[in-house]
Amino acid sequence: MEQWVNWACTNLMPNLEQVLGGVYGHPEKQVYDSDWKEALKNLKNDVKQVDNALIKGSGWLVSGKLTLADVIVSIALT
């Protein structure tokens, strides 16, 4: 579970911040086109990773039940 939470905080959320900052504007820093495209590519790979984990498992990221990892990843993607 800790691996998924750590992954969400270190991979998923920074890519989301870059992509959303490029789309909606970022109040603290400018998002350059090349950085945005790289973050979007990484975000697509991140979502594929989540999809693959859900397909391999029982519909949850860890074990056969809802955990904090599922909540953190789903909130980030929401």
Protein backbone atom coordinates (compact mmCIF):
# COMPACT_ATOMS: atom_id res chain seq x y z
CA MET A 1 0.00 0.00 0.00
CA GLU A 2 2.82 2.39 0.88
CA GLN A 3 4.34 1.86 -2.57
CA TRP A 4 1.17 3.05 -4.30
CA VAL A 5 0.80 6.06 -2.00
CA ASN A 6 4.45 6.99 -2.55
CA TRP A 7 4.07 6.46 -6.31
CA ALA A 8 1.02 8.74 -6.39
CA CYS A 9 2.88 11.48 -4.52
CA THR A 10 6.13 11.26 -6.49
CA ASN A 11 4.98 10.32 -10.02
CA LEU A 12 1.28 10.85 -10.57
CA MET A 13 0.67 14.15 -8.78
CA PRO A 14 3.67 16.05 -10.21
CA ASN A 15 2.64 15.04 -13.74
CA LEU A 16 -0.94 16.04 -13.02
CA GLU A 17 0.24 19.40 -11.69
CA GLN A 18 2.21 20.08 -14.88
CA VAL A 19 -0.61 19.04 -17.20
CA LEU A 20 -3.34 20.89 -15.34
CA GLY A 21 -1.07 23.91 -14.91
CA GLY A 22 -0.61 24.04 -18.66
CA VAL A 23 -4.32 23.72 -19.34
CA TYR A 24 -5.72 26.02 -16.64
CA GLY A 25 -2.67 28.14 -15.86
CA HIS A 26 -0.31 27.89 -12.92
CA PRO A 27 -0.27 30.80 -10.45
CA GLU A 28 3.33 30.28 -9.34
CA LYS A 29 5.27 29.24 -12.42
CA GLN A 30 5.13 29.18 -16.17
CA VAL A 31 4.57 25.80 -17.84
CA TYR A 32 6.50 25.44 -21.07
CA ASP A 33 5.11 23.49 -24.02
CA SER A 34 7.92 20.91 -24.03
CA ASP A 35 7.50 20.29 -20.28
CA TRP A 36 3.74 20.01 -20.72
CA LYS A 37 4.06 17.46 -23.52
CA GLU A 38 6.51 15.37 -21.49
CA ALA A 39 4.25 15.50 -18.42
CA LEU A 40 1.24 14.49 -20.52
CA LYS A 41 3.15 11.52 -21.94
CA ASN A 42 4.19 10.50 -18.42
CA LEU A 43 0.64 10.96 -17.13
CA LYS A 44 -0.73 8.66 -19.83
CA ASN A 45 1.84 6.03 -18.81
CA ASP A 46 0.87 6.51 -15.14
CA VAL A 47 -2.80 5.93 -15.94
CA LYS A 48 -1.88 2.79 -17.91
CA GLN A 49 0.04 1.55 -14.86
CA VAL A 50 -3.04 2.02 -12.68
CA ASP A 51 -5.26 0.33 -15.26
CA ASN A 52 -2.90 -2.66 -15.50
CA ALA A 53 -2.78 -3.01 -11.72
CA LEU A 54 -6.57 -2.93 -11.50
CA ILE A 55 -6.92 -5.49 -14.29
CA LYS A 56 -4.38 -7.86 -12.70
CA GLY A 57 -5.89 -7.51 -9.24
CA SER A 58 -9.44 -7.83 -8.08
CA GLY A 59 -10.47 -4.29 -8.96
CA TRP A 60 -8.39 -2.74 -6.18
CA LEU A 61 -4.75 -1.70 -6.18
CA VAL A 62 -3.78 -3.66 -3.05
CA SER A 63 -5.38 -6.91 -1.86
CA GLY A 64 -9.04 -7.56 -2.52
CA LYS A 65 -10.43 -4.56 -0.72
CA LEU A 66 -10.44 -0.79 -0.66
CA THR A 67 -7.28 0.69 0.87
CA LEU A 68 -5.76 4.11 1.36
CA ALA A 69 -3.80 3.57 -1.86
CA ASP A 70 -7.05 3.34 -3.86
CA VAL A 71 -8.39 6.48 -2.23
CA ILE A 72 -5.20 8.53 -2.80
CA VAL A 73 -4.87 7.51 -6.45
CA SER A 74 -8.58 8.03 -7.19
CA ILE A 75 -8.62 11.46 -5.53
CA ALA A 76 -5.57 12.53 -7.53
CA LEU A 77 -7.19 11.41 -10.77
CA THR A 78 -10.46 13.08 -9.91
